[in-house]
Each structure stands twice: as structure tokens, then as C-alpha cells.
Amino acid sequence: MLVVEGLTCRFGTKAAVDNASFSIAPGTFVGVIGRSGAGKSTLLRMINRLAEPTSGRILFEGTDVTALRGKALRQWRARSAMIFQQFNLVGRLDVLTNVLMGRLAQIPSWRSLAQVWPEQDRALAMSALEQFDIAQFAAQRADQLSGGQQQRVAIARALVQEPDIILADEPIASLDPRNTKIVMDALLRINKHFGITVLCNLHSLDLARTYCDRLVGMAAGRVVFDGAPAALTDHIARELYDLEANDVIGAAPLPAPDGATVPALGSVAAA
């Protein structure tokens, strides 16, 4: 269970996140929604401890995440994998090495510096690439891939961390509709197949309603809605999105998520 208690983050006099409180059960797909500048990204970065809370607590399975330091903090960041809008890949490195970066917390630093990766980690990374149909790009430079392919590499990197939670910060903001669906389907398969909790910032209300079990709506740094997608009426959505409401309400619905089953992590490499 992830519990956020009175979480606040201030930059000077401005509260990017203001007294946010909620809890998330394991295995849930939660969408964090709201207009630009609502505090969604800051919230996820605080959960991963990339941003420091001004006050409040983050608890996971009884551990106070806000108190972690040193090795314990590095281990938490491995358990709460981040996926970023701009992919955060090392463009000059090949795809397989980028995915293997997700194993850094599990191996001695000399191995990563020398790029001497254990065979079981290489097999795990190849299996993750197979999951998202990009294993054929394993030896290719990451910066030679399309945006959608790079985001799938970033998701594969997060998966090999073997995390408890995936924090996806606007993962489809720079993608076209086809790649948006591919990436969202990939996150949904991770959630449903592996039971990994997904907390995903989304600007699109249609995406949130299509993919998420639960929505947390933010406005001006505060949590103003927390419930099932069906409970988010157009009236509430207009209050959430204000001047941006017409851009996110009433758009054509997306195709249903791809429900095809995927092999268990490791099974492809072992075949």
C-alpha cells in the first residue's frame, strides 16, 4: 500500500503540491489528471524522491519513504521506477544497454562502468524488449528510434528494475495517436500481467477514462477528485480543467486497449 499524507512541495511562496493525501492499493492503475501546472509531475517526482517534500509523508508498506537516505533511498528509487515524457535514454548507447541501466541498483558499479553485465541480466533485458516487440532494435543506437519506440525502450528499462510501482510522468505527451495507444497498452499489460501498480500522469481525460481503474484529479496543487472514472462527470471535469476543458471533453473515444496476453518476463529469453 502506498500512502500519501499531507504532502506539500513549495517553491518559494508557491505551493506546487498542497496538502495532498490519498492511498493506493497494490496492483491498481491510477491516472493523475488535471490541467498543465496542476502539480501532477511534482507529485510523482516527490514519490520517487526526485523532488523533496516541504512537509507531509510518503509511506510504502509501512516504511517512511520521506526519511530514506543513501543506499535505502537508491533501493526505493529502484522499486519505484520512473518513466519520463522525454524518455531519458542515452542516445549514443544501444537499446539493450539502455534497458540494462534498469539493473544498476542490483549490480556492483564496476560492472556497469565496464559494461560487463551478468548473463541473466542480459537475458532479462532481451525478454523485456521482446515483451514490447522491439527486440530487433537491441543493437541499434537509441537515438535512431522513433519516439514511440524510444518510449517502449524506457518502459522495458523500468520493467527490468522489477519495481513495485511504475511512475509514468506524461509518457505519451510527445507521441502521435498510434504510438500513444501502443505505449498505453504496454503500461496496461504491465499492470494486469505482472500486478505492478501504475501511477500515470495524463493530460487527456479520454485516455484516463479508457485505461485507469481510478482517477486522482488535481487543481492548483490540491487533490480535488479521487474516485472511479465513471464518477468523473463532465461538470467535475470542467472544474478540473477550467479553460482547457473544451480540449479534453467530448473528443472521440479511443479504441479499446489491446487485451492480448504477453509471455511472462523471462520466458522469451529462456525459450
Protein backbone atom coordinates (compact mmCIF):
# COMPACT_ATOMS: atom_id res chain seq x y z
CA MET A 1 0.00 0.00 0.00
CA LEU A 2 1.26 3.46 -0.98
CA VAL A 3 0.04 6.18 1.39
CA VAL A 4 0.48 9.91 0.81
CA GLU A 5 -0.22 12.03 3.90
CA GLY A 6 -0.47 15.81 3.72
CA LEU A 7 2.22 16.02 1.06
CA THR A 8 3.31 19.58 0.22
CA CYS A 9 6.03 20.95 -2.00
CA ARG A 10 6.74 24.68 -2.08
CA PHE A 11 8.98 26.65 -4.42
CA GLY A 12 9.32 29.97 -2.64
CA THR A 13 5.82 31.14 -1.81
CA LYS A 14 4.15 28.92 -4.45
CA ALA A 15 2.80 25.51 -3.47
CA ALA A 16 3.27 23.15 -6.44
CA VAL A 17 1.56 20.42 -4.38
CA ASP A 18 -0.58 21.48 -1.44
CA ASN A 19 -1.53 19.04 1.34
CA ALA A 20 -2.17 16.04 -0.95
CA SER A 21 -3.48 12.89 0.76
CA PHE A 22 -4.56 9.56 -0.74
CA SER A 23 -3.69 5.86 -0.65
CA ILE A 24 -3.20 3.38 -3.48
CA ALA A 25 -3.75 -0.35 -3.18
CA PRO A 26 -1.24 -2.72 -4.83
CA GLY A 27 -1.91 -3.62 -8.46
CA THR A 28 -4.01 -0.55 -9.26
CA PHE A 29 -3.75 1.55 -12.44
CA VAL A 30 -4.24 5.14 -11.25
CA GLY A 31 -4.41 8.17 -13.51
CA VAL A 32 -3.42 11.57 -12.14
CA ILE A 33 -5.29 14.16 -14.17
CA GLY A 34 -5.59 17.92 -14.33
CA ARG A 35 -4.57 20.90 -16.40
CA SER A 36 -0.97 21.91 -17.06
CA GLY A 37 0.67 23.25 -13.90
CA ALA A 38 -1.73 21.43 -11.56
CA GLY A 39 1.14 19.72 -9.70
CA LYS A 40 0.96 16.27 -11.31
CA SER A 41 4.64 15.96 -12.21
CA THR A 42 5.83 17.34 -8.88
CA LEU A 43 3.66 14.79 -7.08
CA LEU A 44 5.22 11.83 -8.93
CA ARG A 45 8.73 13.21 -8.52
CA MET A 46 8.19 13.51 -4.78
CA ILE A 47 7.02 9.90 -4.56
CA ASN A 48 10.26 8.84 -6.29
CA ARG A 49 12.16 11.42 -4.15
CA LEU A 50 13.49 13.27 -7.19
CA ALA A 51 11.80 16.29 -5.60
CA GLU A 52 11.90 16.86 -1.85
CA PRO A 53 8.63 17.42 0.03
CA THR A 54 8.37 20.56 2.13
CA SER A 55 6.08 18.71 4.53
CA GLY A 56 3.98 15.57 4.78
CA ARG A 57 4.89 11.90 4.44
CA ILE A 58 5.02 9.12 1.87
CA LEU A 59 4.62 5.62 3.27
CA PHE A 60 5.07 2.34 1.42
CA GLU A 61 4.32 -0.92 3.20
CA GLY A 62 4.86 0.92 6.48
CA THR A 63 8.24 2.43 5.51
CA ASP A 64 8.54 6.23 5.65
CA VAL A 65 9.88 6.95 2.17
CA THR A 66 10.41 10.63 3.00
CA ALA A 67 13.00 9.66 5.64
CA LEU A 68 15.14 7.43 3.39
CA ARG A 69 18.75 8.35 2.70
CA GLY A 70 21.78 6.82 0.99
CA LYS A 71 21.52 3.18 -0.04
CA ALA A 72 17.94 2.87 1.24
CA LEU A 73 16.88 5.78 -0.98
CA ARG A 74 18.62 4.25 -4.02
CA GLN A 75 16.80 0.99 -3.36
CA TRP A 76 13.48 2.85 -3.15
CA ARG A 77 14.12 4.53 -6.50
CA ALA A 78 14.70 1.09 -7.98
CA ARG A 79 11.37 -0.10 -6.54
CA SER A 80 9.51 2.98 -7.83
CA ALA A 81 10.57 3.14 -11.47
CA MET A 82 10.13 6.45 -13.32
CA ILE A 83 9.10 6.80 -16.95
CA PHE A 84 9.57 10.32 -18.31
CA GLN A 85 7.94 12.32 -21.07
CA GLN A 86 11.27 12.75 -22.89
CA PHE A 87 12.33 9.09 -22.46
CA ASN A 88 15.65 9.86 -20.65
CA LEU A 89 17.62 7.38 -22.74
CA VAL A 90 21.33 7.66 -23.52
CA GLY A 91 21.08 8.25 -27.25
CA ARG A 92 24.63 7.20 -28.16
CA LEU A 93 24.25 3.82 -26.43
CA ASP A 94 22.49 0.84 -27.95
CA VAL A 95 18.97 -0.12 -26.95
CA LEU A 96 19.99 -3.21 -24.95
CA THR A 97 22.45 -1.21 -22.82
CA ASN A 98 19.79 1.41 -22.13
CA VAL A 99 17.46 -1.29 -20.85
CA LEU A 100 20.25 -2.84 -18.77
CA MET A 101 20.59 0.51 -16.98
CA GLY A 102 17.48 -0.58 -15.12
CA ARG A 103 19.65 -3.17 -13.34
CA LEU A 104 22.16 -0.67 -11.93
CA ALA A 105 20.82 -0.98 -8.39
CA GLN A 106 21.34 -4.75 -8.49
CA ILE A 107 24.98 -4.99 -9.63
CA PRO A 108 28.40 -3.67 -8.48
CA SER A 109 29.28 -0.29 -10.01
CA TRP A 110 32.40 -1.68 -11.72
CA ARG A 111 30.23 -3.96 -13.85
CA SER A 112 28.13 -1.08 -15.19
CA LEU A 113 31.20 1.12 -15.80
CA ALA A 114 32.91 -1.66 -17.72
CA GLN A 115 29.59 -2.72 -19.29
CA VAL A 116 30.17 -6.27 -18.08
CA TRP A 117 26.57 -7.26 -17.50
CA PRO A 118 25.65 -10.64 -15.95
CA GLU A 119 24.16 -13.04 -18.49
CA GLN A 120 20.94 -13.35 -16.50
CA ASP A 121 20.52 -9.56 -16.65
CA ARG A 122 21.11 -9.55 -20.41
CA ALA A 123 18.50 -12.29 -20.78
CA LEU A 124 16.07 -10.31 -18.63
CA ALA A 125 16.59 -7.18 -20.74
CA MET A 126 16.11 -9.06 -24.02
CA SER A 127 12.95 -10.61 -22.64
CA ALA A 128 11.61 -7.15 -21.73
CA LEU A 129 12.35 -5.92 -25.26
CA GLU A 130 10.50 -8.95 -26.65
CA GLN A 131 7.50 -8.03 -24.49
CA PHE A 132 7.14 -4.76 -26.40
CA ASP A 133 8.11 -6.05 -29.85
CA ILE A 134 11.37 -4.10 -30.10
CA ALA A 135 13.99 -6.83 -29.57
CA GLN A 136 15.08 -6.38 -33.19
CA PHE A 137 16.46 -2.96 -32.23
CA ALA A 138 18.64 -4.26 -29.37
CA ALA A 139 21.95 -3.43 -31.10
CA GLN A 140 20.77 -0.11 -32.56
CA ARG A 141 21.58 3.31 -31.10
CA ALA A 142 18.68 4.58 -29.03
CA ASP A 143 18.62 7.97 -30.76
CA GLN A 144 17.91 6.28 -34.10
CA LEU A 145 14.50 5.05 -32.94
CA SER A 146 11.17 6.80 -33.30
CA GLY A 147 9.59 8.50 -30.29
CA GLY A 148 7.18 5.63 -29.71
CA GLN A 149 9.97 3.06 -29.93
CA GLN A 150 12.14 5.05 -27.52
CA GLN A 151 9.30 5.21 -25.00
CA ARG A 152 8.87 1.43 -25.22
CA VAL A 153 12.60 1.08 -24.52
CA ALA A 154 12.12 3.32 -21.46
CA ILE A 155 9.23 1.12 -20.30
CA ALA A 156 11.36 -2.01 -20.79
CA ARG A 157 14.11 -0.37 -18.70
CA ALA A 158 11.57 0.32 -15.94
CA LEU A 159 10.29 -3.26 -16.09
CA VAL A 160 13.74 -4.84 -15.60
CA GLN A 161 14.08 -2.87 -12.36
CA GLU A 162 11.46 -5.35 -11.09
CA PRO A 163 9.64 -2.46 -9.41
CA ASP A 164 6.66 -2.44 -7.08
CA ILE A 165 5.39 0.80 -8.63
CA ILE A 166 5.80 2.45 -12.02
CA LEU A 167 5.50 6.26 -12.02
CA ALA A 168 4.81 7.45 -15.57
CA ASP A 169 5.08 11.22 -16.00
CA GLU A 170 3.11 12.22 -19.13
CA PRO A 171 4.56 9.22 -21.02
CA ILE A 172 2.63 9.92 -24.24
CA ALA A 173 2.74 13.74 -24.35
CA SER A 174 5.03 13.87 -27.41
CA LEU A 175 3.59 10.87 -29.28
CA ASP A 176 1.14 10.54 -32.18
CA PRO A 177 -2.20 8.69 -31.66
CA ARG A 178 -0.88 5.32 -32.90
CA ASN A 179 2.16 5.34 -30.60
CA THR A 180 0.03 6.72 -27.77
CA LYS A 181 -2.11 3.58 -27.92
CA ILE A 182 0.93 1.29 -28.17
CA VAL A 183 2.56 2.86 -25.10
CA MET A 184 -0.64 2.95 -23.02
CA ASP A 185 -1.36 -0.69 -23.94
CA ALA A 186 2.18 -1.57 -22.81
CA LEU A 187 1.62 0.09 -19.42
CA LEU A 188 -1.73 -1.65 -19.07
CA ARG A 189 -0.19 -5.06 -19.81
CA ILE A 190 2.49 -4.46 -17.17
CA ASN A 191 -0.22 -3.59 -14.68
CA LYS A 192 -2.55 -6.51 -15.45
CA HIS A 193 0.02 -9.22 -16.23
CA PHE A 194 2.62 -8.51 -13.54
CA GLY A 195 0.35 -6.84 -10.98
CA ILE A 196 2.63 -3.80 -10.82
CA THR A 197 0.99 -0.65 -9.53
CA VAL A 198 0.98 2.12 -12.18
CA LEU A 199 0.60 5.80 -11.31
CA CYS A 200 0.38 7.73 -14.57
CA ASN A 201 0.10 11.47 -15.16
CA LEU A 202 -2.23 12.15 -18.07
CA HIS A 203 -3.50 15.36 -19.60
CA SER A 204 -6.05 13.55 -21.76
CA LEU A 205 -9.30 12.75 -19.99
CA ASP A 206 -10.26 10.19 -22.65
CA LEU A 207 -7.04 8.25 -22.07
CA ALA A 208 -7.60 8.35 -18.33
CA ARG A 209 -11.15 7.05 -18.62
CA THR A 210 -10.09 4.33 -21.07
CA TYR A 211 -7.13 2.87 -19.18
CA CYS A 212 -7.36 3.69 -15.49
CA ASP A 213 -9.09 1.92 -12.61
CA ARG A 214 -9.11 5.12 -10.59
CA LEU A 215 -8.52 8.81 -11.11
CA VAL A 216 -6.91 11.40 -8.86
CA GLY A 217 -7.76 14.90 -10.06
CA MET A 218 -5.52 17.84 -9.18
CA ALA A 219 -6.09 21.58 -9.44
CA ALA A 220 -3.72 24.28 -8.19
CA GLY A 221 -1.68 21.64 -6.35
CA ARG A 222 -4.61 20.18 -4.44
CA VAL A 223 -6.36 16.81 -4.82
CA VAL A 224 -9.93 17.79 -5.71
CA PHE A 225 -11.21 14.44 -7.05
CA ASP A 226 -10.46 10.85 -6.11
CA GLY A 227 -12.63 8.07 -7.46
CA ALA A 228 -13.62 5.75 -10.29
CA PRO A 229 -13.57 7.11 -13.87
CA ALA A 230 -17.35 6.69 -14.08
CA ALA A 231 -17.76 9.12 -11.17
CA LEU A 232 -15.91 11.90 -13.00
CA THR A 233 -18.77 13.83 -14.58
CA ASP A 234 -18.29 16.47 -17.26
CA HIS A 235 -19.20 19.07 -14.64
CA ILE A 236 -16.34 17.96 -12.37
CA ALA A 237 -14.01 17.73 -15.35
CA ARG A 238 -14.78 21.32 -16.33
CA GLU A 239 -13.91 22.45 -12.81
CA LEU A 240 -10.65 20.48 -13.01
CA TYR A 241 -9.55 21.71 -16.42
CA ASP A 242 -11.04 25.23 -16.37
CA LEU A 243 -10.13 26.99 -19.64
CA GLU A 244 -8.69 23.77 -21.09
CA ALA A 245 -11.94 21.84 -20.57
CA ASN A 246 -13.11 22.02 -24.18
CA ASP A 247 -9.84 20.41 -25.30
CA VAL A 248 -10.27 17.34 -23.08
CA ILE A 249 -14.04 16.77 -23.01
CA GLY A 250 -16.08 15.32 -25.83
CA ALA A 251 -13.26 14.03 -28.02
CA ALA A 252 -13.79 10.82 -29.97
CA PRO A 253 -13.26 7.75 -27.78
CA LEU A 254 -10.09 5.73 -28.18
CA PRO A 255 -10.08 2.14 -29.40
CA ALA A 256 -10.28 -0.39 -26.58
CA PRO A 257 -6.93 -1.39 -25.07
CA ASP A 258 -5.19 -4.36 -26.62
CA GLY A 259 -6.07 -7.25 -24.32
CA ALA A 260 -3.71 -9.75 -25.90
CA THR A 261 -1.76 -11.82 -23.40
CA VAL A 262 2.01 -11.49 -23.17
CA PRO A 263 4.62 -14.05 -22.11
CA ALA A 264 5.87 -13.89 -18.54
CA LEU A 265 9.06 -11.90 -18.08
CA GLY A 266 11.99 -14.18 -18.81
CA SER A 267 10.08 -16.79 -20.77
CA VAL A 268 11.15 -15.47 -24.18
CA ALA A 269 14.81 -15.39 -23.25
CA ALA A 270 14.56 -18.88 -21.81
CA ALA A 271 12.86 -20.34 -24.88
